[in-house]
């Protein structure tokens, strides 16, 4: 098993096991755990969370094309349509299995968090 490392909370951004990459939930934090997007429009938060997902996948040696499953957590299910459009643009032709889960408040007051499972190279 291989894990990404980071300073801060006790978890890994990703873990590789059994031929899969498991990516921890990605919030719309800017690099360095910057929470300045807490009150940003939903689209900006969604874009950043997906960019963070892409970045962690790259650290694990894979890309969005290897993603087979995502879970999107939304503090407000009314954001589903907007996230679906942004997600479709970011993922392009890749259509991984996906769950969208309404959650209520998320960490730092963000409106979205996304986790993924991808095929390892």
PDB file of N, CA and C in Angstrom:
ATOM      1  N   UNK A   1       0.846  -1.175   0.000  1.00  0.00           N
ATOM      2  CA  UNK A   1       0.000   0.000   0.000  1.00  0.00           C
ATOM      3  C   UNK A   1       0.892   1.240   0.000  1.00  0.00           C
ATOM      4  N   UNK A   2       0.534   2.213  -0.807  1.00  0.00           N
ATOM      5  CA  UNK A   2       1.262   3.464  -0.908  1.00  0.00           C
ATOM      6  C   UNK A   2       0.328   4.602  -0.544  1.00  0.00           C
ATOM      7  N   UNK A   3       0.842   5.600   0.150  1.00  0.00           N
ATOM      8  CA  UNK A   3       0.017   6.745   0.535  1.00  0.00           C
ATOM      9  C   UNK A   3       0.721   8.035   0.191  1.00  0.00           C
ATOM     10  N   UNK A   4      -0.079   9.052  -0.134  1.00  0.00           N
ATOM     11  CA  UNK A   4       0.449  10.404  -0.241  1.00  0.00           C
ATOM     12  C   UNK A   4       0.653  10.933   1.160  1.00  0.00           C
ATOM     13  N   UNK A   5       1.548  11.873   1.338  1.00  0.00           N
ATOM     14  CA  UNK A   5       1.787  12.411   2.666  1.00  0.00           C
ATOM     15  C   UNK A   5       1.464  13.892   2.684  1.00  0.00           C
ATOM     16  N   UNK A   6       1.181  14.377   3.854  1.00  0.00           N
ATOM     17  CA  UNK A   6       0.916  15.801   4.026  1.00  0.00           C
ATOM     18  C   UNK A   6       1.117  16.159   5.479  1.00  0.00           C
ATOM     19  N   UNK A   7       1.342  17.430   5.730  1.00  0.00           N
ATOM     20  CA  UNK A   7       1.400  17.932   7.092  1.00  0.00           C
ATOM     21  C   UNK A   7      -0.024  18.318   7.474  1.00  0.00           C
ATOM     22  N   UNK A   8      -0.358  18.208   8.722  1.00  0.00           N
ATOM     23  CA  UNK A   8      -1.689  18.613   9.166  1.00  0.00           C
ATOM     24  C   UNK A   8      -2.478  17.439   9.699  1.00  0.00           C
ATOM     25  N   UNK A   9      -3.769  17.389   9.401  1.00  0.00           N
ATOM     26  CA  UNK A   9      -4.635  16.347   9.962  1.00  0.00           C
ATOM     27  C   UNK A   9      -4.131  14.937   9.650  1.00  0.00           C
ATOM     28  N   UNK A  10      -4.594  13.976  10.439  1.00  0.00           N
ATOM     29  CA  UNK A  10      -4.122  12.593  10.353  1.00  0.00           C
ATOM     30  C   UNK A  10      -4.870  11.822   9.260  1.00  0.00           C
ATOM     31  N   UNK A  11      -4.485  12.030   8.015  1.00  0.00           N
ATOM     32  CA  UNK A  11      -4.988  11.251   6.889  1.00  0.00           C
ATOM     33  C   UNK A  11      -4.055  11.462   5.717  1.00  0.00           C
ATOM     34  N   UNK A  12      -4.217  10.633   4.690  1.00  0.00           N
ATOM     35  CA  UNK A  12      -3.431  10.762   3.467  1.00  0.00           C
ATOM     36  C   UNK A  12      -4.328  11.305   2.366  1.00  0.00           C
ATOM     37  N   UNK A  13      -3.812  12.178   1.509  1.00  0.00           N
ATOM     38  CA  UNK A  13      -4.617  12.669   0.393  1.00  0.00           C
ATOM     39  C   UNK A  13      -5.045  11.534  -0.539  1.00  0.00           C
ATOM     40  N   UNK A  14      -4.190  10.493  -0.644  1.00  0.00           N
ATOM     41  CA  UNK A  14      -4.547   9.315  -1.427  1.00  0.00           C
ATOM     42  C   UNK A  14      -3.846   8.099  -0.862  1.00  0.00           C
ATOM     43  N   UNK A  15      -4.403   6.944  -1.168  1.00  0.00           N
ATOM     44  CA  UNK A  15      -3.807   5.665  -0.831  1.00  0.00           C
ATOM     45  C   UNK A  15      -3.955   4.761  -2.042  1.00  0.00           C
ATOM     46  N   UNK A  16      -2.904   4.022  -2.377  1.00  0.00           N
ATOM     47  CA  UNK A  16      -2.951   3.060  -3.467  1.00  0.00           C
ATOM     48  C   UNK A  16      -2.975   1.667  -2.852  1.00  0.00           C
ATOM     49  N   UNK A  17      -3.989   0.882  -3.215  1.00  0.00           N
ATOM     50  CA  UNK A  17      -4.111  -0.481  -2.707  1.00  0.00           C
ATOM     51  C   UNK A  17      -4.940  -1.297  -3.691  1.00  0.00           C
ATOM     52  N   UNK A  18      -4.546  -2.534  -3.897  1.00  0.00           N
ATOM     53  CA  UNK A  18      -5.329  -3.427  -4.737  1.00  0.00           C
ATOM     54  C   UNK A  18      -5.532  -2.926  -6.158  1.00  0.00           C
ATOM     55  N   UNK A  19      -4.547  -2.204  -6.689  1.00  0.00           N
ATOM     56  CA  UNK A  19      -4.654  -1.704  -8.051  1.00  0.00           C
ATOM     57  C   UNK A  19      -5.531  -0.476  -8.206  1.00  0.00           C
ATOM     58  N   UNK A  20      -5.935   0.118  -7.093  1.00  0.00           N
ATOM     59  CA  UNK A  20      -6.792   1.300  -7.118  1.00  0.00           C
ATOM     60  C   UNK A  20      -6.169   2.445  -6.333  1.00  0.00           C
ATOM     61  N   UNK A  21      -6.527   3.650  -6.716  1.00  0.00           N
ATOM     62  CA  UNK A  21      -6.142   4.859  -5.988  1.00  0.00           C
ATOM     63  C   UNK A  21      -7.393   5.390  -5.305  1.00  0.00           C
ATOM     64  N   UNK A  22      -7.348   5.512  -3.998  1.00  0.00           N
ATOM     65  CA  UNK A  22      -8.460   6.051  -3.219  1.00  0.00           C
ATOM     66  C   UNK A  22      -8.090   7.472  -2.811  1.00  0.00           C
ATOM     67  N   UNK A  23      -8.839   8.451  -3.293  1.00  0.00           N
ATOM     68  CA  UNK A  23      -8.547   9.860  -3.015  1.00  0.00           C
ATOM     69  C   UNK A  23      -9.481  10.348  -1.913  1.00  0.00           C
ATOM     70  N   UNK A  24      -8.890  10.896  -0.859  1.00  0.00           N
ATOM     71  CA  UNK A  24      -9.671  11.476   0.237  1.00  0.00           C
ATOM     72  C   UNK A  24     -10.513  12.635  -0.268  1.00  0.00           C
ATOM     73  N   UNK A  25     -11.544  12.978   0.495  1.00  0.00           N
ATOM     74  CA  UNK A  25     -12.414  14.086   0.132  1.00  0.00           C
ATOM     75  C   UNK A  25     -11.640  15.373  -0.069  1.00  0.00           C
ATOM     76  N   UNK A  26     -11.891  16.022  -1.201  1.00  0.00           N
ATOM     77  CA  UNK A  26     -11.206  17.266  -1.544  1.00  0.00           C
ATOM     78  C   UNK A  26     -12.181  18.428  -1.401  1.00  0.00           C
ATOM     79  N   UNK A  27     -11.827  19.336  -0.535  1.00  0.00           N
ATOM     80  CA  UNK A  27     -12.589  20.563  -0.329  1.00  0.00           C
ATOM     81  C   UNK A  27     -12.064  21.639  -1.273  1.00  0.00           C
ATOM     82  N   UNK A  28     -12.770  22.751  -1.411  1.00  0.00           N
ATOM     83  CA  UNK A  28     -12.279  23.839  -2.251  1.00  0.00           C
ATOM     84  C   UNK A  28     -11.235  24.704  -1.548  1.00  0.00           C
ATOM     85  N   UNK A  29     -10.247  24.045  -0.973  1.00  0.00           N
ATOM     86  CA  UNK A  29      -9.126  24.752  -0.355  1.00  0.00           C
ATOM     87  C   UNK A  29      -8.127  25.115  -1.435  1.00  0.00           C
ATOM     88  N   UNK A  30      -7.632  26.311  -1.403  1.00  0.00           N
ATOM     89  CA  UNK A  30      -6.518  26.670  -2.276  1.00  0.00           C
ATOM     90  C   UNK A  30      -5.259  26.079  -1.654  1.00  0.00           C
ATOM     91  N   UNK A  31      -4.213  25.876  -2.446  1.00  0.00           N
ATOM     92  CA  UNK A  31      -2.982  25.299  -1.885  1.00  0.00           C
ATOM     93  C   UNK A  31      -2.571  26.002  -0.592  1.00  0.00           C
ATOM     94  N   UNK A  32      -2.176  25.197   0.378  1.00  0.00           N
ATOM     95  CA  UNK A  32      -1.779  25.730   1.672  1.00  0.00           C
ATOM     96  C   UNK A  32      -2.925  25.796   2.669  1.00  0.00           C
ATOM     97  N   UNK A  33      -4.018  25.086   2.405  1.00  0.00           N
ATOM     98  CA  UNK A  33      -5.195  25.037   3.290  1.00  0.00           C
ATOM     99  C   UNK A  33      -5.844  26.409   3.451  1.00  0.00           C
ATOM    100  N   UNK A  34      -5.832  27.206   2.409  1.00  0.00           N
ATOM    101  CA  UNK A  34      -6.439  28.533   2.381  1.00  0.00           C
ATOM    102  C   UNK A  34      -7.957  28.389   2.302  1.00  0.00           C
ATOM    103  N   UNK A  35      -8.644  28.862   3.324  1.00  0.00           N
ATOM    104  CA  UNK A  35     -10.106  28.741   3.382  1.00  0.00           C
ATOM    105  C   UNK A  35     -10.819  29.965   2.813  1.00  0.00           C
ATOM    106  N   UNK A  36     -10.123  30.791   2.056  1.00  0.00           N
ATOM    107  CA  UNK A  36     -10.713  32.040   1.583  1.00  0.00           C
ATOM    108  C   UNK A  36     -11.903  31.840   0.641  1.00  0.00           C
ATOM    109  N   UNK A  37     -12.083  30.647   0.107  1.00  0.00           N
ATOM    110  CA  UNK A  37     -13.229  30.411  -0.781  1.00  0.00           C
ATOM    111  C   UNK A  37     -14.504  30.038  -0.024  1.00  0.00           C
ATOM    112  N   UNK A  38     -14.467  30.073   1.286  1.00  0.00           N
ATOM    113  CA  UNK A  38     -15.628  29.685   2.085  1.00  0.00           C
ATOM    114  C   UNK A  38     -16.895  30.407   1.646  1.00  0.00           C
ATOM    115  N   UNK A  39     -16.797  31.664   1.323  1.00  0.00           N
ATOM    116  CA  UNK A  39     -17.982  32.437   0.939  1.00  0.00           C
ATOM    117  C   UNK A  39     -18.035  32.726  -0.552  1.00  0.00           C
ATOM    118  N   UNK A  40     -17.195  32.047  -1.332  1.00  0.00           N
ATOM    119  CA  UNK A  40     -17.175  32.233  -2.790  1.00  0.00           C
ATOM    120  C   UNK A  40     -18.417  31.595  -3.403  1.00  0.00           C
ATOM    121  N   UNK A  41     -18.781  32.019  -4.602  1.00  0.00           N
ATOM    122  CA  UNK A  41     -19.905  31.385  -5.297  1.00  0.00           C
ATOM    123  C   UNK A  41     -19.668  29.881  -5.449  1.00  0.00           C
ATOM    124  N   UNK A  42     -20.755  29.128  -5.512  1.00  0.00           N
ATOM    125  CA  UNK A  42     -20.651  27.675  -5.586  1.00  0.00           C
ATOM    126  C   UNK A  42     -19.778  27.224  -6.756  1.00  0.00           C
ATOM    127  N   UNK A  43     -19.942  27.826  -7.927  1.00  0.00           N
ATOM    128  CA  UNK A  43     -19.170  27.412  -9.098  1.00  0.00           C
ATOM    129  C   UNK A  43     -17.667  27.506  -8.833  1.00  0.00           C
ATOM    130  N   UNK A  44     -17.236  28.554  -8.172  1.00  0.00           N
ATOM    131  CA  UNK A  44     -15.814  28.717  -7.864  1.00  0.00           C
ATOM    132  C   UNK A  44     -15.349  27.636  -6.886  1.00  0.00           C
ATOM    133  N   UNK A  45     -16.186  27.317  -5.909  1.00  0.00           N
ATOM    134  CA  UNK A  45     -15.848  26.251  -4.967  1.00  0.00           C
ATOM    135  C   UNK A  45     -15.758  24.907  -5.686  1.00  0.00           C
ATOM    136  N   UNK A  46     -16.714  24.633  -6.562  1.00  0.00           N
ATOM    137  CA  UNK A  46     -16.719  23.360  -7.284  1.00  0.00           C
ATOM    138  C   UNK A  46     -15.493  23.235  -8.175  1.00  0.00           C
ATOM    139  N   UNK A  47     -15.152  24.292  -8.883  1.00  0.00           N
ATOM    140  CA  UNK A  47     -13.965  24.286  -9.744  1.00  0.00           C
ATOM    141  C   UNK A  47     -12.704  23.993  -8.929  1.00  0.00           C
ATOM    142  N   UNK A  48     -12.574  24.631  -7.762  1.00  0.00           N
ATOM    143  CA  UNK A  48     -11.380  24.429  -6.939  1.00  0.00           C
ATOM    144  C   UNK A  48     -11.329  23.013  -6.387  1.00  0.00           C
ATOM    145  N   UNK A  49     -12.462  22.481  -5.921  1.00  0.00           N
ATOM    146  CA  UNK A  49     -12.486  21.119  -5.396  1.00  0.00           C
ATOM    147  C   UNK A  49     -12.080  20.121  -6.480  1.00  0.00           C
ATOM    148  N   UNK A  50     -12.572  20.325  -7.707  1.00  0.00           N
ATOM    149  CA  UNK A  50     -12.209  19.437  -8.809  1.00  0.00           C
ATOM    150  C   UNK A  50     -10.742  19.613  -9.213  1.00  0.00           C
ATOM    151  N   UNK A  51     -10.245  20.826  -9.157  1.00  0.00           N
ATOM    152  CA  UNK A  51      -8.822  21.055  -9.435  1.00  0.00           C
ATOM    153  C   UNK A  51      -7.965  20.348  -8.379  1.00  0.00           C
ATOM    154  N   UNK A  52      -8.393  20.403  -7.120  1.00  0.00           N
ATOM    155  CA  UNK A  52      -7.666  19.717  -6.054  1.00  0.00           C
ATOM    156  C   UNK A  52      -7.697  18.204  -6.272  1.00  0.00           C
ATOM    157  N   UNK A  53      -8.845  17.677  -6.697  1.00  0.00           N
ATOM    158  CA  UNK A  53      -8.942  16.256  -7.006  1.00  0.00           C
ATOM    159  C   UNK A  53      -7.953  15.892  -8.107  1.00  0.00           C
ATOM    160  N   UNK A  54      -7.941  16.666  -9.172  1.00  0.00           N
ATOM    161  CA  UNK A  54      -7.025  16.426 -10.284  1.00  0.00           C
ATOM    162  C   UNK A  54      -5.569  16.452  -9.807  1.00  0.00           C
ATOM    163  N   UNK A  55      -5.225  17.407  -8.948  1.00  0.00           N
ATOM    164  CA  UNK A  55      -3.872  17.536  -8.434  1.00  0.00           C
ATOM    165  C   UNK A  55      -3.463  16.314  -7.612  1.00  0.00           C
ATOM    166  N   UNK A  56      -4.354  15.838  -6.763  1.00  0.00           N
ATOM    167  CA  UNK A  56      -4.036  14.661  -5.939  1.00  0.00           C
ATOM    168  C   UNK A  56      -3.897  13.427  -6.829  1.00  0.00           C
ATOM    169  N   UNK A  57      -4.760  13.296  -7.822  1.00  0.00           N
ATOM    170  CA  UNK A  57      -4.641  12.178  -8.756  1.00  0.00           C
ATOM    171  C   UNK A  57      -3.277  12.199  -9.446  1.00  0.00           C
ATOM    172  N   UNK A  58      -2.841  13.380  -9.857  1.00  0.00           N
ATOM    173  CA  UNK A  58      -1.532  13.508 -10.507  1.00  0.00           C
ATOM    174  C   UNK A  58      -0.408  13.114  -9.551  1.00  0.00           C
ATOM    175  N   UNK A  59      -0.533  13.492  -8.271  1.00  0.00           N
ATOM    176  CA  UNK A  59       0.474  13.079  -7.279  1.00  0.00           C
ATOM    177  C   UNK A  59       0.531  11.559  -7.172  1.00  0.00           C
ATOM    178  N   UNK A  60      -0.616  10.915  -7.391  1.00  0.00           N
ATOM    179  CA  UNK A  60      -0.689   9.453  -7.317  1.00  0.00           C
ATOM    180  C   UNK A  60      -0.279   8.796  -8.631  1.00  0.00           C
ATOM    181  N   UNK A  61       0.029   9.604  -9.651  1.00  0.00           N
ATOM    182  CA  UNK A  61       0.483   9.065 -10.926  1.00  0.00           C
ATOM    183  C   UNK A  61      -0.612   8.686 -11.894  1.00  0.00           C
ATOM    184  N   UNK A  62      -1.825   9.216 -11.677  1.00  0.00           N
ATOM    185  CA  UNK A  62      -2.947   8.940 -12.575  1.00  0.00           C
ATOM    186  C   UNK A  62      -3.629  10.255 -12.942  1.00  0.00           C
ATOM    187  N   UNK A  63      -4.662  10.173 -13.742  1.00  0.00           N
ATOM    188  CA  UNK A  63      -5.401  11.366 -14.135  1.00  0.00           C
ATOM    189  C   UNK A  63      -6.893  11.128 -14.064  1.00  0.00           C
ATOM    190  N   UNK A  64      -7.649  12.120 -14.484  1.00  0.00           N
ATOM    191  CA  UNK A  64      -9.110  12.023 -14.451  1.00  0.00           C
ATOM    192  C   UNK A  64      -9.625  10.869 -15.297  1.00  0.00           C
ATOM    193  N   UNK A  65      -8.910  10.504 -16.357  1.00  0.00           N
ATOM    194  CA  UNK A  65      -9.353   9.419 -17.237  1.00  0.00           C
ATOM    195  C   UNK A  65      -9.354   8.063 -16.526  1.00  0.00           C
ATOM    196  N   UNK A  66      -8.596   7.935 -15.429  1.00  0.00           N
ATOM    197  CA  UNK A  66      -8.556   6.670 -14.695  1.00  0.00           C
ATOM    198  C   UNK A  66      -9.594   6.597 -13.576  1.00  0.00           C
ATOM    199  N   UNK A  67     -10.332   7.668 -13.345  1.00  0.00           N
ATOM    200  CA  UNK A  67     -11.326   7.679 -12.269  1.00  0.00           C
ATOM    201  C   UNK A  67     -12.493   6.765 -12.650  1.00  0.00           C
ATOM    202  N   UNK A  68     -12.852   5.877 -11.715  1.00  0.00           N
ATOM    203  CA  UNK A  68     -13.962   4.948 -11.956  1.00  0.00           C
ATOM    204  C   UNK A  68     -15.173   5.246 -11.074  1.00  0.00           C
ATOM    205  N   UNK A  69     -14.981   6.000  -9.981  1.00  0.00           N
ATOM    206  CA  UNK A  69     -16.092   6.301  -9.068  1.00  0.00           C
ATOM    207  C   UNK A  69     -15.798   7.588  -8.329  1.00  0.00           C
ATOM    208  N   UNK A  70     -16.795   8.443  -8.219  1.00  0.00           N
ATOM    209  CA  UNK A  70     -16.687   9.644  -7.382  1.00  0.00           C
ATOM    210  C   UNK A  70     -17.876   9.701  -6.445  1.00  0.00           C
ATOM    211  N   UNK A  71     -17.663  10.390  -5.361  1.00  0.00           N
ATOM    212  CA  UNK A  71     -18.752  10.750  -4.454  1.00  0.00           C
ATOM    213  C   UNK A  71     -18.642  12.242  -4.226  1.00  0.00           C
ATOM    214  N   UNK A  72     -19.741  12.942  -4.469  1.00  0.00           N
ATOM    215  CA  UNK A  72     -19.788  14.385  -4.273  1.00  0.00           C
ATOM    216  C   UNK A  72     -20.712  14.665  -3.102  1.00  0.00           C
ATOM    217  N   UNK A  73     -20.198  15.374  -2.126  1.00  0.00           N
ATOM    218  CA  UNK A  73     -20.972  15.774  -0.959  1.00  0.00           C
ATOM    219  C   UNK A  73     -21.353  17.241  -1.134  1.00  0.00           C
ATOM    220  N   UNK A  74     -22.637  17.543  -1.024  1.00  0.00           N
ATOM    221  CA  UNK A  74     -23.132  18.906  -1.191  1.00  0.00           C
ATOM    222  C   UNK A  74     -23.855  19.351   0.068  1.00  0.00           C
ATOM    223  N   UNK A  75     -23.545  20.549   0.534  1.00  0.00           N
ATOM    224  CA  UNK A  75     -24.261  21.077   1.698  1.00  0.00           C
ATOM    225  C   UNK A  75     -25.680  21.477   1.322  1.00  0.00           C
ATOM    226  N   UNK A  76     -25.929  21.699   0.028  1.00  0.00           N
ATOM    227  CA  UNK A  76     -27.262  22.079  -0.447  1.00  0.00           C
ATOM    228  C   UNK A  76     -27.532  21.345  -1.757  1.00  0.00           C
ATOM    229  N   UNK A  77     -28.474  20.430  -1.771  1.00  0.00           N
ATOM    230  CA  UNK A  77     -28.762  19.627  -2.957  1.00  0.00           C
ATOM    231  C   UNK A  77     -29.216  20.492  -4.131  1.00  0.00           C
ATOM    232  N   UNK A  78     -29.627  21.720  -3.877  1.00  0.00           N
ATOM    233  CA  UNK A  78     -29.994  22.628  -4.968  1.00  0.00           C
ATOM    234  C   UNK A  78     -28.797  22.962  -5.858  1.00  0.00           C
ATOM    235  N   UNK A  79     -27.575  22.683  -5.398  1.00  0.00           N
ATOM    236  CA  UNK A  79     -26.377  22.921  -6.205  1.00  0.00           C
ATOM    237  C   UNK A  79     -26.098  21.777  -7.184  1.00  0.00           C
ATOM    238  N   UNK A  80     -26.926  20.736  -7.163  1.00  0.00           N
ATOM    239  CA  UNK A  80     -26.680  19.549  -7.977  1.00  0.00           C
ATOM    240  C   UNK A  80     -26.570  19.879  -9.462  1.00  0.00           C
ATOM    241  N   UNK A  81     -27.476  20.642 -10.024  1.00  0.00           N
ATOM    242  CA  UNK A  81     -27.448  20.967 -11.448  1.00  0.00           C
ATOM    243  C   UNK A  81     -26.180  21.695 -11.848  1.00  0.00           C
ATOM    244  N   UNK A  82     -25.757  22.635 -11.026  1.00  0.00           N
ATOM    245  CA  UNK A  82     -24.547  23.402 -11.335  1.00  0.00           C
ATOM    246  C   UNK A  82     -23.306  22.527 -11.253  1.00  0.00           C
ATOM    247  N   UNK A  83     -23.242  21.678 -10.230  1.00  0.00           N
ATOM    248  CA  UNK A  83     -22.064  20.813 -10.117  1.00  0.00           C
ATOM    249  C   UNK A  83     -22.048  19.794 -11.248  1.00  0.00           C
ATOM    250  N   UNK A  84     -23.198  19.320 -11.682  1.00  0.00           N
ATOM    251  CA  UNK A  84     -23.239  18.356 -12.777  1.00  0.00           C
ATOM    252  C   UNK A  84     -22.651  18.959 -14.054  1.00  0.00           C
ATOM    253  N   UNK A  85     -22.969  20.208 -14.345  1.00  0.00           N
ATOM    254  CA  UNK A  85     -22.456  20.867 -15.548  1.00  0.00           C
ATOM    255  C   UNK A  85     -20.945  21.077 -15.461  1.00  0.00           C
ATOM    256  N   UNK A  86     -20.459  21.516 -14.308  1.00  0.00           N
ATOM    257  CA  UNK A  86     -19.013  21.733 -14.130  1.00  0.00           C
ATOM    258  C   UNK A  86     -18.277  20.395 -14.196  1.00  0.00           C
ATOM    259  N   UNK A  87     -18.812  19.401 -13.529  1.00  0.00           N
ATOM    260  CA  UNK A  87     -18.241  18.050 -13.496  1.00  0.00           C
ATOM    261  C   UNK A  87     -18.142  17.490 -14.918  1.00  0.00           C
ATOM    262  N   UNK A  88     -19.195  17.632 -15.711  1.00  0.00           N
ATOM    263  CA  UNK A  88     -19.202  17.122 -17.083  1.00  0.00           C
ATOM    264  C   UNK A  88     -18.113  17.792 -17.914  1.00  0.00           C
ATOM    265  N   UNK A  89     -17.943  19.081 -17.737  1.00  0.00           N
ATOM    266  CA  UNK A  89     -16.906  19.805 -18.480  1.00  0.00           C
ATOM    267  C   UNK A  89     -15.517  19.333 -18.058  1.00  0.00           C
ATOM    268  N   UNK A  90     -15.298  19.165 -16.763  1.00  0.00           N
ATOM    269  CA  UNK A  90     -13.976  18.767 -16.255  1.00  0.00           C
ATOM    270  C   UNK A  90     -13.649  17.321 -16.643  1.00  0.00           C
ATOM    271  N   UNK A  91     -14.606  16.415 -16.511  1.00  0.00           N
ATOM    272  CA  UNK A  91     -14.348  15.003 -16.799  1.00  0.00           C
ATOM    273  C   UNK A  91     -14.428  14.674 -18.284  1.00  0.00           C
ATOM    274  N   UNK A  92     -15.069  15.514 -19.077  1.00  0.00           N
ATOM    275  CA  UNK A  92     -15.131  15.277 -20.517  1.00  0.00           C
ATOM    276  C   UNK A  92     -15.798  13.956 -20.847  1.00  0.00           C
ATOM    277  N   UNK A  93     -15.120  13.150 -21.670  1.00  0.00           N
ATOM    278  CA  UNK A  93     -15.698  11.882 -22.125  1.00  0.00           C
ATOM    279  C   UNK A  93     -15.725  10.807 -21.043  1.00  0.00           C
ATOM    280  N   UNK A  94     -14.921  10.954 -19.985  1.00  0.00           N
ATOM    281  CA  UNK A  94     -14.933   9.967 -18.908  1.00  0.00           C
ATOM    282  C   UNK A  94     -16.195  10.167 -18.076  1.00  0.00           C
ATOM    283  N   UNK A  95     -16.949   9.103 -17.887  1.00  0.00           N
ATOM    284  CA  UNK A  95     -18.185   9.141 -17.107  1.00  0.00           C
ATOM    285  C   UNK A  95     -18.108   8.112 -15.970  1.00  0.00           C
ATOM    286  N   UNK A  96     -17.354   8.435 -14.908  1.00  0.00           N
ATOM    287  CA  UNK A  96     -17.256   7.473 -13.805  1.00  0.00           C
ATOM    288  C   UNK A  96     -18.598   7.299 -13.106  1.00  0.00           C
ATOM    289  N   UNK A  97     -18.749   6.176 -12.429  1.00  0.00           N
ATOM    290  CA  UNK A  97     -19.903   6.018 -11.550  1.00  0.00           C
ATOM    291  C   UNK A  97     -19.851   7.151 -10.533  1.00  0.00           C
ATOM    292  N   UNK A  98     -21.022   7.595 -10.070  1.00  0.00           N
ATOM    293  CA  UNK A  98     -21.014   8.766  -9.187  1.00  0.00           C
ATOM    294  C   UNK A  98     -22.191   8.714  -8.235  1.00  0.00           C
ATOM    295  N   UNK A  99     -21.944   9.172  -7.025  1.00  0.00           N
ATOM    296  CA  UNK A  99     -23.003   9.410  -6.044  1.00  0.00           C
ATOM    297  C   UNK A  99     -22.955  10.872  -5.660  1.00  0.00           C
ATOM    298  N   UNK A 100     -24.128  11.469  -5.472  1.00  0.00           N
ATOM    299  CA  UNK A 100     -24.225  12.842  -4.969  1.00  0.00           C
ATOM    300  C   UNK A 100     -24.996  12.760  -3.657  1.00  0.00           C
ATOM    301  N   UNK A 101     -24.372  13.223  -2.583  1.00  0.00           N
ATOM    302  CA  UNK A 101     -24.929  13.061  -1.243  1.00  0.00           C
ATOM    303  C   UNK A 101     -25.168  14.416  -0.601  1.00  0.00           C
ATOM    304  N   UNK A 102     -26.431  14.760  -0.313  1.00  0.00           N
ATOM    305  CA  UNK A 102     -26.677  15.990   0.440  1.00  0.00           C
ATOM    306  C   UNK A 102     -26.273  15.766   1.898  1.00  0.00           C
ATOM    307  N   UNK A 103     -25.543  16.725   2.472  1.00  0.00           N
ATOM    308  CA  UNK A 103     -24.946  16.485   3.786  1.00  0.00           C
ATOM    309  C   UNK A 103     -25.313  17.472   4.881  1.00  0.00           C
ATOM    310  N   UNK A 104     -25.758  18.641   4.523  1.00  0.00           N
ATOM    311  CA  UNK A 104     -25.788  19.707   5.515  1.00  0.00           C
ATOM    312  C   UNK A 104     -24.412  20.337   5.565  1.00  0.00           C
ATOM    313  N   UNK A 105     -24.075  21.053   6.620  1.00  0.00           N
ATOM    314  CA  UNK A 105     -22.814  21.801   6.672  1.00  0.00           C
ATOM    315  C   UNK A 105     -21.583  20.914   6.461  1.00  0.00           C
ATOM    316  N   UNK A 106     -20.623  21.439   5.685  1.00  0.00           N
ATOM    317  CA  UNK A 106     -19.341  20.776   5.471  1.00  0.00           C
ATOM    318  C   UNK A 106     -18.257  21.558   6.199  1.00  0.00           C
ATOM    319  N   UNK A 107     -17.079  20.957   6.318  1.00  0.00           N
ATOM    320  CA  UNK A 107     -15.962  21.561   7.041  1.00  0.00           C
ATOM    321  C   UNK A 107     -15.664  22.973   6.530  1.00  0.00           C
ATOM    322  N   UNK A 108     -15.375  23.872   7.414  1.00  0.00           N
ATOM    323  CA  UNK A 108     -15.060  25.279   7.140  1.00  0.00           C
ATOM    324  C   UNK A 108     -16.227  26.048   6.522  1.00  0.00           C
ATOM    325  N   UNK A 109     -17.396  25.430   6.419  1.00  0.00           N
ATOM    326  CA  UNK A 109     -18.539  26.089   5.801  1.00  0.00           C
ATOM    327  C   UNK A 109     -18.569  25.986   4.289  1.00  0.00           C
ATOM    328  N   UNK A 110     -17.717  25.122   3.694  1.00  0.00           N
ATOM    329  CA  UNK A 110     -17.732  24.926   2.247  1.00  0.00           C
ATOM    330  C   UNK A 110     -19.023  24.258   1.815  1.00  0.00           C
ATOM    331  N   UNK A 111     -19.315  24.353   0.519  1.00  0.00           N
ATOM    332  CA  UNK A 111     -20.559  23.808  -0.024  1.00  0.00           C
ATOM    333  C   UNK A 111     -20.361  22.512  -0.782  1.00  0.00           C
ATOM    334  N   UNK A 112     -19.107  22.083  -0.998  1.00  0.00           N
ATOM    335  CA  UNK A 112     -18.829  20.870  -1.767  1.00  0.00           C
ATOM    336  C   UNK A 112     -17.574  20.178  -1.257  1.00  0.00           C
ATOM    337  N   UNK A 113     -17.591  18.850  -1.353  1.00  0.00           N
ATOM    338  CA  UNK A 113     -16.410  18.012  -1.122  1.00  0.00           C
ATOM    339  C   UNK A 113     -16.533  16.852  -2.093  1.00  0.00           C
ATOM    340  N   UNK A 114     -15.418  16.412  -2.672  1.00  0.00           N
ATOM    341  CA  UNK A 114     -15.459  15.316  -3.638  1.00  0.00           C
ATOM    342  C   UNK A 114     -14.343  14.331  -3.361  1.00  0.00           C
ATOM    343  N   UNK A 115     -14.684  13.036  -3.403  1.00  0.00           N
ATOM    344  CA  UNK A 115     -13.684  11.978  -3.265  1.00  0.00           C
ATOM    345  C   UNK A 115     -13.774  11.090  -4.491  1.00  0.00           C
ATOM    346  N   UNK A 116     -12.735  10.282  -4.724  1.00  0.00           N
ATOM    347  CA  UNK A 116     -12.707   9.472  -5.938  1.00  0.00           C
ATOM    348  C   UNK A 116     -11.944   8.167  -5.732  1.00  0.00           C
ATOM    349  N   UNK A 117     -12.249   7.239  -6.613  1.00  0.00           N
ATOM    350  CA  UNK A 117     -11.499   5.995  -6.740  1.00  0.00           C
ATOM    351  C   UNK A 117     -11.078   5.902  -8.195  1.00  0.00           C
ATOM    352  N   UNK A 118      -9.789   5.633  -8.429  1.00  0.00           N
ATOM    353  CA  UNK A 118      -9.256   5.546  -9.793  1.00  0.00           C
ATOM    354  C   UNK A 118      -8.441   4.259  -9.953  1.00  0.00           C
ATOM    355  N   UNK A 119      -8.271   3.846 -11.195  1.00  0.00           N
ATOM    356  CA  UNK A 119      -7.386   2.729 -11.491  1.00  0.00           C
ATOM    357  C   UNK A 119      -5.942   3.211 -11.355  1.00  0.00           C
ATOM    358  N   UNK A 120      -5.121   2.434 -10.674  1.00  0.00           N
ATOM    359  CA  UNK A 120      -3.700   2.778 -10.561  1.00  0.00           C
ATOM    360  C   UNK A 120      -2.999   2.377 -11.849  1.00  0.00           C
ATOM    361  N   UNK A 121      -1.910   3.061 -12.166  1.00  0.00           N
ATOM    362  CA  UNK A 121      -1.119   2.694 -13.354  1.00  0.00           C
ATOM    363  C   UNK A 121      -0.248   1.502 -13.059  1.00  0.00           C
TER     364      UNK A 121
END
